[in-house]
Amino acid sequence: MAKAQASARKKPNAIVRFFRETIAELRKVSWPSREEATRLTIIVLVVVTVTSAAFGILDYLFAQLFKLIIGLG
């Protein structure tokens, strides 16, 4: 009988507890609607594209500048 009470009070395995707590936290999350997720994804893609283009142009300009400075151009 003492073993039954001890096992009833025993905490669950750490991995099981982790997954239970994770699921509980995910239920609290306010998930975006499909439209909101789509709109935010498009915004991120546009910002990444514009930033990549700007860095590409700057890289090209600096490369040309350094070629000019060291006399390879």
C-alpha atoms as a PDB file:
ATOM      1  CA  MET A   1       0.000   0.000   0.000  1.00  0.00           C
ATOM      2  CA  ALA A   2       2.864   2.373   0.748  1.00  0.00           C
ATOM      3  CA  LYS A   3       4.217   1.792  -2.758  1.00  0.00           C
ATOM      4  CA  ALA A   4       0.867   2.697  -4.299  1.00  0.00           C
ATOM      5  CA  GLN A   5       0.742   6.003  -2.441  1.00  0.00           C
ATOM      6  CA  ALA A   6       4.378   6.756  -3.279  1.00  0.00           C
ATOM      7  CA  SER A   7       3.821   6.130  -6.991  1.00  0.00           C
ATOM      8  CA  ALA A   8       0.650   8.262  -6.944  1.00  0.00           C
ATOM      9  CA  ARG A   9       2.603  11.191  -5.479  1.00  0.00           C
ATOM     10  CA  LYS A  10       5.605  10.606  -7.749  1.00  0.00           C
ATOM     11  CA  LYS A  11       6.219  13.373 -10.300  1.00  0.00           C
ATOM     12  CA  PRO A  12       5.975  12.355 -13.964  1.00  0.00           C
ATOM     13  CA  ASN A  13       9.037  11.767 -16.041  1.00  0.00           C
ATOM     14  CA  ALA A  14      10.828  15.016 -17.020  1.00  0.00           C
ATOM     15  CA  ILE A  15      10.257  14.446 -20.744  1.00  0.00           C
ATOM     16  CA  VAL A  16       6.545  13.789 -20.239  1.00  0.00           C
ATOM     17  CA  ARG A  17       6.271  16.885 -18.037  1.00  0.00           C
ATOM     18  CA  PHE A  18       8.067  18.960 -20.674  1.00  0.00           C
ATOM     19  CA  PHE A  19       5.622  17.938 -23.395  1.00  0.00           C
ATOM     20  CA  ARG A  20       2.578  18.474 -21.154  1.00  0.00           C
ATOM     21  CA  GLU A  21       3.767  21.968 -20.230  1.00  0.00           C
ATOM     22  CA  THR A  22       4.592  22.741 -23.860  1.00  0.00           C
ATOM     23  CA  ILE A  23       1.108  21.740 -25.004  1.00  0.00           C
ATOM     24  CA  ALA A  24      -0.436  23.806 -22.210  1.00  0.00           C
ATOM     25  CA  GLU A  25       1.559  26.878 -23.290  1.00  0.00           C
ATOM     26  CA  LEU A  26       0.688  26.379 -26.968  1.00  0.00           C
ATOM     27  CA  ARG A  27      -3.001  26.418 -26.061  1.00  0.00           C
ATOM     28  CA  LYS A  28      -2.515  29.907 -24.596  1.00  0.00           C
ATOM     29  CA  VAL A  29      -1.053  31.305 -27.827  1.00  0.00           C
ATOM     30  CA  SER A  30      -3.112  33.747 -29.854  1.00  0.00           C
ATOM     31  CA  TRP A  31      -2.605  32.369 -33.361  1.00  0.00           C
ATOM     32  CA  PRO A  32      -2.909  34.749 -36.362  1.00  0.00           C
ATOM     33  CA  SER A  33      -5.665  34.267 -38.905  1.00  0.00           C
ATOM     34  CA  ARG A  34      -4.786  32.880 -42.330  1.00  0.00           C
ATOM     35  CA  GLU A  35      -5.140  36.332 -43.923  1.00  0.00           C
ATOM     36  CA  GLU A  36      -2.934  37.966 -41.295  1.00  0.00           C
ATOM     37  CA  ALA A  37      -0.265  35.281 -41.661  1.00  0.00           C
ATOM     38  CA  THR A  38      -0.319  35.668 -45.459  1.00  0.00           C
ATOM     39  CA  ARG A  39      -0.069  39.460 -45.259  1.00  0.00           C
ATOM     40  CA  LEU A  40       2.830  39.342 -42.776  1.00  0.00           C
ATOM     41  CA  THR A  41       4.647  36.737 -44.888  1.00  0.00           C
ATOM     42  CA  ILE A  42       4.383  38.977 -47.954  1.00  0.00           C
ATOM     43  CA  ILE A  43       5.703  41.936 -45.955  1.00  0.00           C
ATOM     44  CA  VAL A  44       8.690  39.892 -44.769  1.00  0.00           C
ATOM     45  CA  LEU A  45       9.467  38.687 -48.311  1.00  0.00           C
ATOM     46  CA  VAL A  46       9.292  42.244 -49.696  1.00  0.00           C
ATOM     47  CA  VAL A  47      11.570  43.616 -46.955  1.00  0.00           C
ATOM     48  CA  VAL A  48      14.078  40.784 -47.449  1.00  0.00           C
ATOM     49  CA  THR A  49      14.091  41.326 -51.233  1.00  0.00           C
ATOM     50  CA  VAL A  50      14.575  45.098 -50.956  1.00  0.00           C
ATOM     51  CA  THR A  51      17.299  44.728 -48.328  1.00  0.00           C
ATOM     52  CA  SER A  52      19.099  42.076 -50.395  1.00  0.00           C
ATOM     53  CA  ALA A  53      19.001  44.300 -53.471  1.00  0.00           C
ATOM     54  CA  ALA A  54      20.322  47.285 -51.489  1.00  0.00           C
ATOM     55  CA  PHE A  55      23.205  45.252 -50.051  1.00  0.00           C
ATOM     56  CA  GLY A  56      23.954  43.823 -53.497  1.00  0.00           C
ATOM     57  CA  ILE A  57      24.172  47.310 -54.999  1.00  0.00           C
ATOM     58  CA  LEU A  58      26.355  48.544 -52.122  1.00  0.00           C
ATOM     59  CA  ASP A  59      28.625  45.514 -52.509  1.00  0.00           C
ATOM     60  CA  TYR A  60      29.021  46.193 -56.230  1.00  0.00           C
ATOM     61  CA  LEU A  61      29.718  49.901 -55.666  1.00  0.00           C
ATOM     62  CA  PHE A  62      32.313  49.228 -52.958  1.00  0.00           C
ATOM     63  CA  ALA A  63      33.980  46.569 -55.123  1.00  0.00           C
ATOM     64  CA  GLN A  64      34.253  49.070 -57.988  1.00  0.00           C
ATOM     65  CA  LEU A  65      35.563  51.751 -55.607  1.00  0.00           C
ATOM     66  CA  PHE A  66      38.280  49.456 -54.247  1.00  0.00           C
ATOM     67  CA  LYS A  67      39.273  48.403 -57.774  1.00  0.00           C
ATOM     68  CA  LEU A  68      39.638  52.075 -58.644  1.00  0.00           C
ATOM     69  CA  ILE A  69      41.660  52.810 -55.490  1.00  0.00           C
ATOM     70  CA  ILE A  70      44.140  49.972 -55.926  1.00  0.00           C
ATOM     71  CA  GLY A  71      44.449  50.552 -59.668  1.00  0.00           C
ATOM     72  CA  LEU A  72      42.852  47.441 -61.125  1.00  0.00           C
ATOM     73  CA  GLY A  73      40.037  49.323 -62.861  1.00  0.00           C
END
